[in-house]
Amino acid sequence: MKLDDVDGLRIATFGSGPRRIVAVHGITASLMAWNAVARRLPQGWSLVAMDLRGRGHSRDLPGPYGLARHAEDVLRVAEHVGAGSDSVLAGHSMGAYVAVLAGARRRFGKVVLVDGGLPLPPLAPGADVDAEIEATLGPAIARLSQTFATADDYVAFFQAHPAFAGNWTPEAEEYVRYDLFGPPGALRSRAVGEAVREDGRWMRLNGEPIGAALAAVEAPTELLRAPRGLLDQSVGMLPDELAKAWTSRVALLRDEVVPDCNHYTIMFDDRCASLVAGRLTS
């Protein structure tokens, strides 16, 4: 893994092949969300991932946040690394929504959306968007205000998460340890709470521009969905009905369910990460 910075954004390049993937992580994640997929790429490929502002080693970059701002950052990174019009743009979770916005503004060879990117149904009148974000993200939001005595305590917190219980991998542990900073005895996540909440609001309140951007992407677009959710619940983040509605509206959008995974293991489980790597490079 080769590290670099672009205007304060931390980027990492996995592999050295000339065929390039630009990859975007989720709402409380970091560039290490892509480490398992990157390690399963075939010869001839490289993957460039970045810490979005307010996350990882880009946590000190200022707001405003919001997915449109992240899309600008993604396009700047793509230009910096020389990603041509035949390169692949990929995003997981919130990163898939960022990829949609970026892909509508610049031509890529393919866009791959991993369990994200489809506009969610509008909020009910009078609904509290912040309360919905807290309820949906659950432990991911809770950890932002917590401190941990040791790195092992932080790892144990993730190992007990419903999505990771019984599904722990070495790459998941690398992802978790990368997220830590702070003094001994008071370690915490690098993700900035303000950034997470602002991005969550943007994503939930801007379904119309996200849908317009999805329709405007000129590259073939592959949606890879997990059948189980963020907390390993039986209904995934993107239900069948939602995927069917959008594949019927967007001609270039292809939908595929990745069997037997949840919103997190689709990125870390060996079988699932191998499938994602295969779809990125096929």
C-alpha atoms as a PDB file:
ATOM      1  CA  MET A   1       0.000   0.000   0.000  1.00  0.00           C
ATOM      2  CA  LYS A   2       1.428   3.357  -1.070  1.00  0.00           C
ATOM      3  CA  LEU A   3       0.238   6.457   0.820  1.00  0.00           C
ATOM      4  CA  ASP A   4      -0.045  10.002  -0.536  1.00  0.00           C
ATOM      5  CA  ASP A   5      -1.940  13.233   0.116  1.00  0.00           C
ATOM      6  CA  VAL A   6      -3.983  15.331  -2.302  1.00  0.00           C
ATOM      7  CA  ASP A   7      -4.810  18.780  -0.920  1.00  0.00           C
ATOM      8  CA  GLY A   8      -4.952  17.273   2.558  1.00  0.00           C
ATOM      9  CA  LEU A   9      -6.906  14.166   1.511  1.00  0.00           C
ATOM     10  CA  ARG A  10      -5.116  10.950   2.466  1.00  0.00           C
ATOM     11  CA  ILE A  11      -5.057   8.469  -0.415  1.00  0.00           C
ATOM     12  CA  ALA A  12      -3.728   4.933  -0.629  1.00  0.00           C
ATOM     13  CA  THR A  13      -2.863   2.951  -3.742  1.00  0.00           C
ATOM     14  CA  PHE A  14      -3.163  -0.823  -3.513  1.00  0.00           C
ATOM     15  CA  GLY A  15      -1.299  -2.671  -6.249  1.00  0.00           C
ATOM     16  CA  SER A  16       0.686  -1.298  -9.160  1.00  0.00           C
ATOM     17  CA  GLY A  17      -1.198  -2.305 -12.294  1.00  0.00           C
ATOM     18  CA  PRO A  18      -1.967   0.265 -15.003  1.00  0.00           C
ATOM     19  CA  ARG A  19      -5.720  -0.427 -14.987  1.00  0.00           C
ATOM     20  CA  ARG A  20      -7.158   1.740 -12.232  1.00  0.00           C
ATOM     21  CA  ILE A  21     -10.082   1.731  -9.813  1.00  0.00           C
ATOM     22  CA  VAL A  22     -11.011   4.813  -7.764  1.00  0.00           C
ATOM     23  CA  ALA A  23     -12.905   3.688  -4.646  1.00  0.00           C
ATOM     24  CA  VAL A  24     -14.984   5.580  -2.063  1.00  0.00           C
ATOM     25  CA  HIS A  25     -15.839   4.386   1.466  1.00  0.00           C
ATOM     26  CA  GLY A  26     -18.955   4.672   3.627  1.00  0.00           C
ATOM     27  CA  ILE A  27     -20.249   7.195   6.119  1.00  0.00           C
ATOM     28  CA  THR A  28     -18.209   6.272   9.233  1.00  0.00           C
ATOM     29  CA  ALA A  29     -15.500   4.281   7.442  1.00  0.00           C
ATOM     30  CA  SER A  30     -12.061   4.921   5.927  1.00  0.00           C
ATOM     31  CA  LEU A  31      -9.992   3.969   2.917  1.00  0.00           C
ATOM     32  CA  MET A  32      -9.199   0.659   4.635  1.00  0.00           C
ATOM     33  CA  ALA A  33     -12.767  -0.452   3.927  1.00  0.00           C
ATOM     34  CA  TRP A  34     -11.347  -1.430   0.506  1.00  0.00           C
ATOM     35  CA  ASN A  35      -8.301  -3.394   1.682  1.00  0.00           C
ATOM     36  CA  ALA A  36      -9.855  -6.874   1.354  1.00  0.00           C
ATOM     37  CA  VAL A  37     -11.255  -6.173  -2.123  1.00  0.00           C
ATOM     38  CA  ALA A  38      -7.969  -4.586  -3.265  1.00  0.00           C
ATOM     39  CA  ARG A  39      -5.968  -7.648  -2.210  1.00  0.00           C
ATOM     40  CA  ARG A  40      -8.129  -9.843  -4.417  1.00  0.00           C
ATOM     41  CA  LEU A  41      -7.676  -7.872  -7.631  1.00  0.00           C
ATOM     42  CA  PRO A  42      -6.113  -9.703 -10.576  1.00  0.00           C
ATOM     43  CA  GLN A  43      -2.724  -8.802 -12.021  1.00  0.00           C
ATOM     44  CA  GLY A  44      -2.660  -5.580 -13.982  1.00  0.00           C
ATOM     45  CA  TRP A  45      -4.971  -3.628 -11.692  1.00  0.00           C
ATOM     46  CA  SER A  46      -4.527  -1.049  -8.931  1.00  0.00           C
ATOM     47  CA  LEU A  47      -7.072   0.486  -6.565  1.00  0.00           C
ATOM     48  CA  VAL A  48      -6.903   4.051  -5.246  1.00  0.00           C
ATOM     49  CA  ALA A  49      -8.956   4.721  -2.114  1.00  0.00           C
ATOM     50  CA  MET A  50      -9.175   7.911  -0.076  1.00  0.00           C
ATOM     51  CA  ASP A  51     -10.150   8.989   3.408  1.00  0.00           C
ATOM     52  CA  LEU A  52     -13.063  11.371   2.840  1.00  0.00           C
ATOM     53  CA  ARG A  53     -12.872  14.690   4.655  1.00  0.00           C
ATOM     54  CA  GLY A  54     -13.825  14.227   8.281  1.00  0.00           C
ATOM     55  CA  ARG A  55     -12.656  10.584   8.297  1.00  0.00           C
ATOM     56  CA  GLY A  56      -9.438   8.652   8.741  1.00  0.00           C
ATOM     57  CA  HIS A  57      -6.321  10.712   8.163  1.00  0.00           C
ATOM     58  CA  SER A  58      -8.422  13.376   6.380  1.00  0.00           C
ATOM     59  CA  ARG A  59     -10.366  14.083   9.588  1.00  0.00           C
ATOM     60  CA  ASP A  60      -8.884  17.563  10.006  1.00  0.00           C
ATOM     61  CA  LEU A  61     -10.060  18.845   6.621  1.00  0.00           C
ATOM     62  CA  PRO A  62     -12.815  21.391   7.265  1.00  0.00           C
ATOM     63  CA  GLY A  63     -16.439  21.351   6.211  1.00  0.00           C
ATOM     64  CA  PRO A  64     -18.803  22.037   4.727  1.00  0.00           C
ATOM     65  CA  TYR A  65     -19.294  18.338   4.166  1.00  0.00           C
ATOM     66  CA  GLY A  66     -22.149  16.815   2.175  1.00  0.00           C
ATOM     67  CA  LEU A  67     -22.003  14.297  -0.652  1.00  0.00           C
ATOM     68  CA  ALA A  68     -21.586  16.907  -3.390  1.00  0.00           C
ATOM     69  CA  ARG A  69     -18.438  18.156  -1.644  1.00  0.00           C
ATOM     70  CA  HIS A  70     -17.101  14.601  -1.384  1.00  0.00           C
ATOM     71  CA  ALA A  71     -17.786  14.073  -5.097  1.00  0.00           C
ATOM     72  CA  GLU A  72     -15.617  17.105  -5.868  1.00  0.00           C
ATOM     73  CA  ASP A  73     -12.849  15.588  -3.750  1.00  0.00           C
ATOM     74  CA  VAL A  74     -13.182  12.238  -5.546  1.00  0.00           C
ATOM     75  CA  LEU A  75     -12.874  13.894  -8.954  1.00  0.00           C
ATOM     76  CA  ARG A  76      -9.794  15.794  -7.783  1.00  0.00           C
ATOM     77  CA  VAL A  77      -8.194  12.530  -6.629  1.00  0.00           C
ATOM     78  CA  ALA A  78      -9.098  10.834  -9.932  1.00  0.00           C
ATOM     79  CA  GLU A  79      -7.368  13.621 -11.842  1.00  0.00           C
ATOM     80  CA  HIS A  80      -4.337  13.522  -9.532  1.00  0.00           C
ATOM     81  CA  VAL A  81      -3.757   9.792 -10.065  1.00  0.00           C
ATOM     82  CA  GLY A  82      -4.395   9.961 -13.800  1.00  0.00           C
ATOM     83  CA  ALA A  83      -7.556   7.872 -13.835  1.00  0.00           C
ATOM     84  CA  GLY A  84      -8.664   7.927 -17.464  1.00  0.00           C
ATOM     85  CA  SER A  85     -12.073   7.521 -19.020  1.00  0.00           C
ATOM     86  CA  ASP A  86     -11.547   3.747 -19.058  1.00  0.00           C
ATOM     87  CA  SER A  87     -10.990   3.560 -15.278  1.00  0.00           C
ATOM     88  CA  VAL A  88     -13.531   2.180 -12.809  1.00  0.00           C
ATOM     89  CA  LEU A  89     -15.301   4.244 -10.147  1.00  0.00           C
ATOM     90  CA  ALA A  90     -16.606   2.333  -7.134  1.00  0.00           C
ATOM     91  CA  GLY A  91     -18.317   3.189  -3.868  1.00  0.00           C
ATOM     92  CA  HIS A  92     -19.574   1.277  -0.842  1.00  0.00           C
ATOM     93  CA  SER A  93     -22.589   2.414   1.211  1.00  0.00           C
ATOM     94  CA  MET A  94     -22.562   6.242   1.355  1.00  0.00           C
ATOM     95  CA  GLY A  95     -19.545   6.080  -0.935  1.00  0.00           C
ATOM     96  CA  ALA A  96     -21.801   4.617  -3.624  1.00  0.00           C
ATOM     97  CA  TYR A  97     -23.942   7.771  -3.488  1.00  0.00           C
ATOM     98  CA  VAL A  98     -20.794   9.881  -3.795  1.00  0.00           C
ATOM     99  CA  ALA A  99     -19.757   7.733  -6.767  1.00  0.00           C
ATOM    100  CA  VAL A 100     -23.110   8.373  -8.443  1.00  0.00           C
ATOM    101  CA  LEU A 101     -22.646  12.141  -8.102  1.00  0.00           C
ATOM    102  CA  ALA A 102     -19.055  11.986  -9.346  1.00  0.00           C
ATOM    103  CA  GLY A 103     -19.909   9.597 -12.171  1.00  0.00           C
ATOM    104  CA  ALA A 104     -22.568  11.976 -13.468  1.00  0.00           C
ATOM    105  CA  ARG A 105     -19.942  14.717 -13.854  1.00  0.00           C
ATOM    106  CA  ARG A 106     -17.076  12.790 -15.443  1.00  0.00           C
ATOM    107  CA  ARG A 107     -16.880   9.788 -17.749  1.00  0.00           C
ATOM    108  CA  PHE A 108     -15.581   6.512 -16.321  1.00  0.00           C
ATOM    109  CA  GLY A 109     -15.388   3.135 -18.013  1.00  0.00           C
ATOM    110  CA  LYS A 110     -17.654   1.558 -15.402  1.00  0.00           C
ATOM    111  CA  VAL A 111     -19.326   2.521 -12.125  1.00  0.00           C
ATOM    112  CA  VAL A 112     -19.801  -0.123  -9.411  1.00  0.00           C
ATOM    113  CA  LEU A 113     -22.143   0.590  -6.487  1.00  0.00           C
ATOM    114  CA  VAL A 114     -21.721  -1.732  -3.498  1.00  0.00           C
ATOM    115  CA  ASP A 115     -24.851  -1.756  -1.322  1.00  0.00           C
ATOM    116  CA  GLY A 116     -25.634   1.899  -1.875  1.00  0.00           C
ATOM    117  CA  GLY A 117     -26.310   4.550  -4.485  1.00  0.00           C
ATOM    118  CA  LEU A 118     -30.079   4.205  -4.929  1.00  0.00           C
ATOM    119  CA  PRO A 119     -32.186   7.116  -3.661  1.00  0.00           C
ATOM    120  CA  LEU A 120     -34.070   6.060  -0.555  1.00  0.00           C
ATOM    121  CA  PRO A 121     -37.835   6.651  -0.185  1.00  0.00           C
ATOM    122  CA  PRO A 122     -38.666  10.165   1.057  1.00  0.00           C
ATOM    123  CA  LEU A 123     -39.066  10.747   4.761  1.00  0.00           C
ATOM    124  CA  ALA A 124     -42.604  10.841   6.095  1.00  0.00           C
ATOM    125  CA  PRO A 125     -43.952  14.347   6.759  1.00  0.00           C
ATOM    126  CA  GLY A 126     -42.665  15.619  10.083  1.00  0.00           C
ATOM    127  CA  ALA A 127     -40.115  12.827  10.449  1.00  0.00           C
ATOM    128  CA  ASP A 128     -36.924  13.602  12.367  1.00  0.00           C
ATOM    129  CA  VAL A 129     -34.023  12.975   9.979  1.00  0.00           C
ATOM    130  CA  ASP A 130     -31.440  12.972  12.787  1.00  0.00           C
ATOM    131  CA  ALA A 131     -33.410  10.380  14.753  1.00  0.00           C
ATOM    132  CA  GLU A 132     -33.627   8.165  11.664  1.00  0.00           C
ATOM    133  CA  ILE A 133     -29.878   8.409  11.085  1.00  0.00           C
ATOM    134  CA  GLU A 134     -29.178   7.463  14.706  1.00  0.00           C
ATOM    135  CA  ALA A 135     -31.580   4.508  14.528  1.00  0.00           C
ATOM    136  CA  THR A 136     -30.289   3.245  11.170  1.00  0.00           C
ATOM    137  CA  LEU A 137     -26.575   3.426  11.851  1.00  0.00           C
ATOM    138  CA  GLY A 138     -26.840   2.198  15.448  1.00  0.00           C
ATOM    139  CA  PRO A 139     -23.442   1.117  16.827  1.00  0.00           C
ATOM    140  CA  ALA A 140     -21.606   2.972  14.050  1.00  0.00           C
ATOM    141  CA  ILE A 141     -22.923   6.288  15.403  1.00  0.00           C
ATOM    142  CA  ALA A 142     -22.563   5.237  19.054  1.00  0.00           C
ATOM    143  CA  ARG A 143     -18.834   4.631  18.773  1.00  0.00           C
ATOM    144  CA  LEU A 144     -18.141   8.214  17.637  1.00  0.00           C
ATOM    145  CA  SER A 145     -18.730   9.508  21.165  1.00  0.00           C
ATOM    146  CA  GLN A 146     -17.005   6.617  22.943  1.00  0.00           C
ATOM    147  CA  THR A 147     -13.422   6.270  24.095  1.00  0.00           C
ATOM    148  CA  PHE A 148     -11.509   3.023  24.549  1.00  0.00           C
ATOM    149  CA  ALA A 149      -8.683   2.177  26.904  1.00  0.00           C
ATOM    150  CA  THR A 150      -6.761   0.092  24.373  1.00  0.00           C
ATOM    151  CA  ALA A 151      -6.800  -0.801  20.689  1.00  0.00           C
ATOM    152  CA  ASP A 152      -7.796  -4.337  21.664  1.00  0.00           C
ATOM    153  CA  ASP A 153     -10.899  -2.925  23.391  1.00  0.00           C
ATOM    154  CA  TYR A 154     -11.854  -1.165  20.162  1.00  0.00           C
ATOM    155  CA  VAL A 155     -11.370  -4.373  18.196  1.00  0.00           C
ATOM    156  CA  ALA A 156     -13.565  -6.228  20.703  1.00  0.00           C
ATOM    157  CA  PHE A 157     -16.276  -3.576  20.270  1.00  0.00           C
ATOM    158  CA  PHE A 158     -16.364  -4.310  16.532  1.00  0.00           C
ATOM    159  CA  GLN A 159     -16.156  -8.061  16.979  1.00  0.00           C
ATOM    160  CA  ALA A 160     -19.378  -7.888  19.024  1.00  0.00           C
ATOM    161  CA  HIS A 161     -21.175  -5.877  16.308  1.00  0.00           C
ATOM    162  CA  PRO A 162     -24.058  -7.970  14.897  1.00  0.00           C
ATOM    163  CA  ALA A 163     -22.675  -7.742  11.366  1.00  0.00           C
ATOM    164  CA  PHE A 164     -19.198  -8.962  12.352  1.00  0.00           C
ATOM    165  CA  ALA A 165     -20.083 -11.536  15.024  1.00  0.00           C
ATOM    166  CA  GLY A 166     -18.817 -14.844  13.665  1.00  0.00           C
ATOM    167  CA  ASN A 167     -17.530 -13.085  10.542  1.00  0.00           C
ATOM    168  CA  TRP A 168     -14.232 -11.610  11.715  1.00  0.00           C
ATOM    169  CA  THR A 169     -11.292 -11.436   9.280  1.00  0.00           C
ATOM    170  CA  PRO A 170      -7.714 -10.097   9.391  1.00  0.00           C
ATOM    171  CA  GLU A 171      -8.694  -7.333   6.945  1.00  0.00           C
ATOM    172  CA  ALA A 172     -11.572  -6.284   9.202  1.00  0.00           C
ATOM    173  CA  GLU A 173      -9.117  -5.972  12.078  1.00  0.00           C
ATOM    174  CA  GLU A 174      -6.750  -3.824   9.981  1.00  0.00           C
ATOM    175  CA  TYR A 175      -9.703  -1.619   9.071  1.00  0.00           C
ATOM    176  CA  VAL A 176     -10.645  -1.169  12.730  1.00  0.00           C
ATOM    177  CA  ARG A 177      -7.134  -0.461  13.989  1.00  0.00           C
ATOM    178  CA  TYR A 178      -6.549   2.127  11.244  1.00  0.00           C
ATOM    179  CA  ASP A 179      -9.546   4.090  12.556  1.00  0.00           C
ATOM    180  CA  LEU A 180      -8.070   4.725  16.019  1.00  0.00           C
ATOM    181  CA  PHE A 181      -6.355   7.849  17.311  1.00  0.00           C
ATOM    182  CA  GLY A 182      -5.898   9.710  20.574  1.00  0.00           C
ATOM    183  CA  PRO A 183      -3.857   9.333  23.766  1.00  0.00           C
ATOM    184  CA  PRO A 184      -3.434   5.999  25.558  1.00  0.00           C
ATOM    185  CA  GLY A 185      -6.482   5.267  27.671  1.00  0.00           C
ATOM    186  CA  ALA A 186      -8.732   7.562  25.609  1.00  0.00           C
ATOM    187  CA  LEU A 187      -8.597   6.174  22.075  1.00  0.00           C
ATOM    188  CA  ARG A 188     -11.465   6.979  19.732  1.00  0.00           C
ATOM    189  CA  SER A 189     -12.645   6.775  16.130  1.00  0.00           C
ATOM    190  CA  ARG A 190     -11.122   9.170  13.635  1.00  0.00           C
ATOM    191  CA  ALA A 191     -14.566   9.835  12.122  1.00  0.00           C
ATOM    192  CA  VAL A 192     -15.845  13.322  12.992  1.00  0.00           C
ATOM    193  CA  GLY A 193     -19.403  13.232  14.321  1.00  0.00           C
ATOM    194  CA  GLU A 194     -20.361  16.524  12.681  1.00  0.00           C
ATOM    195  CA  ALA A 195     -19.251  15.222   9.283  1.00  0.00           C
ATOM    196  CA  VAL A 196     -21.174  11.961   9.686  1.00  0.00           C
ATOM    197  CA  ARG A 197     -24.393  13.706  10.680  1.00  0.00           C
ATOM    198  CA  GLU A 198     -24.147  16.373   7.967  1.00  0.00           C
ATOM    199  CA  ASP A 199     -23.532  13.711   5.324  1.00  0.00           C
ATOM    200  CA  GLY A 200     -26.379  11.573   6.638  1.00  0.00           C
ATOM    201  CA  ARG A 201     -28.781  14.509   6.404  1.00  0.00           C
ATOM    202  CA  TRP A 202     -27.590  15.344   2.886  1.00  0.00           C
ATOM    203  CA  MET A 203     -28.096  11.776   1.708  1.00  0.00           C
ATOM    204  CA  ARG A 204     -31.606  11.467   3.178  1.00  0.00           C
ATOM    205  CA  LEU A 205     -32.841  14.903   2.065  1.00  0.00           C
ATOM    206  CA  ASN A 206     -31.489  14.941  -1.493  1.00  0.00           C
ATOM    207  CA  GLY A 207     -33.037  11.892  -3.106  1.00  0.00           C
ATOM    208  CA  GLU A 208     -34.112  13.846  -6.174  1.00  0.00           C
ATOM    209  CA  PRO A 209     -30.636  15.088  -7.192  1.00  0.00           C
ATOM    210  CA  ILE A 210     -29.176  11.654  -6.429  1.00  0.00           C
ATOM    211  CA  GLY A 211     -31.762  10.066  -8.736  1.00  0.00           C
ATOM    212  CA  ALA A 212     -31.054  12.623 -11.466  1.00  0.00           C
ATOM    213  CA  ALA A 213     -27.331  11.927 -11.175  1.00  0.00           C
ATOM    214  CA  LEU A 214     -27.891   8.154 -11.363  1.00  0.00           C
ATOM    215  CA  ALA A 215     -29.842   8.617 -14.583  1.00  0.00           C
ATOM    216  CA  ALA A 216     -27.111  10.905 -15.957  1.00  0.00           C
ATOM    217  CA  VAL A 217     -24.228   8.426 -15.511  1.00  0.00           C
ATOM    218  CA  GLU A 218     -23.151   7.437 -19.027  1.00  0.00           C
ATOM    219  CA  ALA A 219     -21.065   4.427 -18.048  1.00  0.00           C
ATOM    220  CA  PRO A 220     -22.380   0.908 -17.446  1.00  0.00           C
ATOM    221  CA  THR A 221     -23.355   0.797 -13.767  1.00  0.00           C
ATOM    222  CA  GLU A 222     -23.376  -2.348 -11.652  1.00  0.00           C
ATOM    223  CA  LEU A 223     -25.222  -2.510  -8.334  1.00  0.00           C
ATOM    224  CA  LEU A 224     -24.046  -5.217  -5.931  1.00  0.00           C
ATOM    225  CA  ARG A 225     -26.504  -5.665  -3.058  1.00  0.00           C
ATOM    226  CA  ALA A 226     -26.200  -7.453   0.265  1.00  0.00           C
ATOM    227  CA  PRO A 227     -29.354  -9.401   1.201  1.00  0.00           C
ATOM    228  CA  ARG A 228     -28.873  -8.553   4.902  1.00  0.00           C
ATOM    229  CA  GLY A 229     -28.575  -5.169   6.566  1.00  0.00           C
ATOM    230  CA  LEU A 230     -26.167  -3.074   8.613  1.00  0.00           C
ATOM    231  CA  LEU A 231     -27.001  -5.019  11.777  1.00  0.00           C
ATOM    232  CA  ASP A 232     -27.275  -8.336   9.899  1.00  0.00           C
ATOM    233  CA  GLN A 233     -31.057  -8.029   9.841  1.00  0.00           C
ATOM    234  CA  SER A 234     -32.943 -10.077   7.239  1.00  0.00           C
ATOM    235  CA  VAL A 235     -33.836  -7.108   5.000  1.00  0.00           C
ATOM    236  CA  GLY A 236     -30.926  -5.376   3.296  1.00  0.00           C
ATOM    237  CA  MET A 237     -30.237  -1.674   3.020  1.00  0.00           C
ATOM    238  CA  LEU A 238     -31.601  -1.704  -0.546  1.00  0.00           C
ATOM    239  CA  PRO A 239     -34.706  -3.933  -0.706  1.00  0.00           C
ATOM    240  CA  ASP A 240     -35.679  -5.781  -3.890  1.00  0.00           C
ATOM    241  CA  GLU A 241     -38.559  -3.417  -4.609  1.00  0.00           C
ATOM    242  CA  LEU A 242     -36.296  -0.369  -4.553  1.00  0.00           C
ATOM    243  CA  ALA A 243     -33.728  -2.005  -6.829  1.00  0.00           C
ATOM    244  CA  LYS A 244     -36.425  -3.109  -9.272  1.00  0.00           C
ATOM    245  CA  ALA A 245     -37.862   0.399  -9.436  1.00  0.00           C
ATOM    246  CA  TRP A 246     -34.506   1.939 -10.317  1.00  0.00           C
ATOM    247  CA  THR A 247     -33.308  -0.715 -12.771  1.00  0.00           C
ATOM    248  CA  SER A 248     -36.554  -0.177 -14.685  1.00  0.00           C
ATOM    249  CA  ARG A 249     -35.840   3.577 -14.858  1.00  0.00           C
ATOM    250  CA  VAL A 250     -32.092   3.567 -15.590  1.00  0.00           C
ATOM    251  CA  ALA A 251     -31.155   1.584 -18.686  1.00  0.00           C
ATOM    252  CA  LEU A 252     -27.453   1.232 -17.854  1.00  0.00           C
ATOM    253  CA  LEU A 253     -28.051  -0.011 -14.296  1.00  0.00           C
ATOM    254  CA  ARG A 254     -27.593  -3.744 -13.655  1.00  0.00           C
ATOM    255  CA  ASP A 255     -28.597  -5.278 -10.310  1.00  0.00           C
ATOM    256  CA  GLU A 256     -26.996  -8.297  -8.621  1.00  0.00           C
ATOM    257  CA  VAL A 257     -27.555  -9.720  -5.140  1.00  0.00           C
ATOM    258  CA  VAL A 258     -24.396 -11.140  -3.557  1.00  0.00           C
ATOM    259  CA  PRO A 259     -25.584 -14.253  -1.680  1.00  0.00           C
ATOM    260  CA  ASP A 260     -25.211 -14.740   2.069  1.00  0.00           C
ATOM    261  CA  CYS A 261     -23.632 -11.473   3.202  1.00  0.00           C
ATOM    262  CA  ASN A 262     -24.559  -8.300   5.043  1.00  0.00           C
ATOM    263  CA  HIS A 263     -23.731  -4.634   4.521  1.00  0.00           C
ATOM    264  CA  TYR A 264     -20.237  -5.096   5.991  1.00  0.00           C
ATOM    265  CA  THR A 265     -19.259  -8.647   5.094  1.00  0.00           C
ATOM    266  CA  ILE A 266     -19.854  -7.911   1.416  1.00  0.00           C
ATOM    267  CA  MET A 267     -16.554  -6.005   1.708  1.00  0.00           C
ATOM    268  CA  PHE A 268     -14.581  -8.269   4.072  1.00  0.00           C
ATOM    269  CA  ASP A 269     -15.670 -11.896   3.688  1.00  0.00           C
ATOM    270  CA  ASP A 270     -13.255 -13.742   1.386  1.00  0.00           C
ATOM    271  CA  ARG A 271     -15.924 -15.025  -0.987  1.00  0.00           C
ATOM    272  CA  CYS A 272     -17.787 -11.723  -1.151  1.00  0.00           C
ATOM    273  CA  ALA A 273     -14.701  -9.516  -1.472  1.00  0.00           C
ATOM    274  CA  SER A 274     -13.471 -11.803  -4.264  1.00  0.00           C
ATOM    275  CA  LEU A 275     -16.790 -11.420  -6.067  1.00  0.00           C
ATOM    276  CA  VAL A 276     -16.679  -7.616  -5.718  1.00  0.00           C
ATOM    277  CA  ALA A 277     -13.099  -7.590  -7.047  1.00  0.00           C
ATOM    278  CA  GLY A 278     -14.214  -9.720  -9.971  1.00  0.00           C
ATOM    279  CA  ARG A 279     -17.086  -7.401 -10.860  1.00  0.00           C
ATOM    280  CA  LEU A 280     -14.796  -4.358 -10.653  1.00  0.00           C
ATOM    281  CA  THR A 281     -12.400  -5.856 -13.165  1.00  0.00           C
ATOM    282  CA  SER A 282     -14.643  -7.905 -15.462  1.00  0.00           C
END
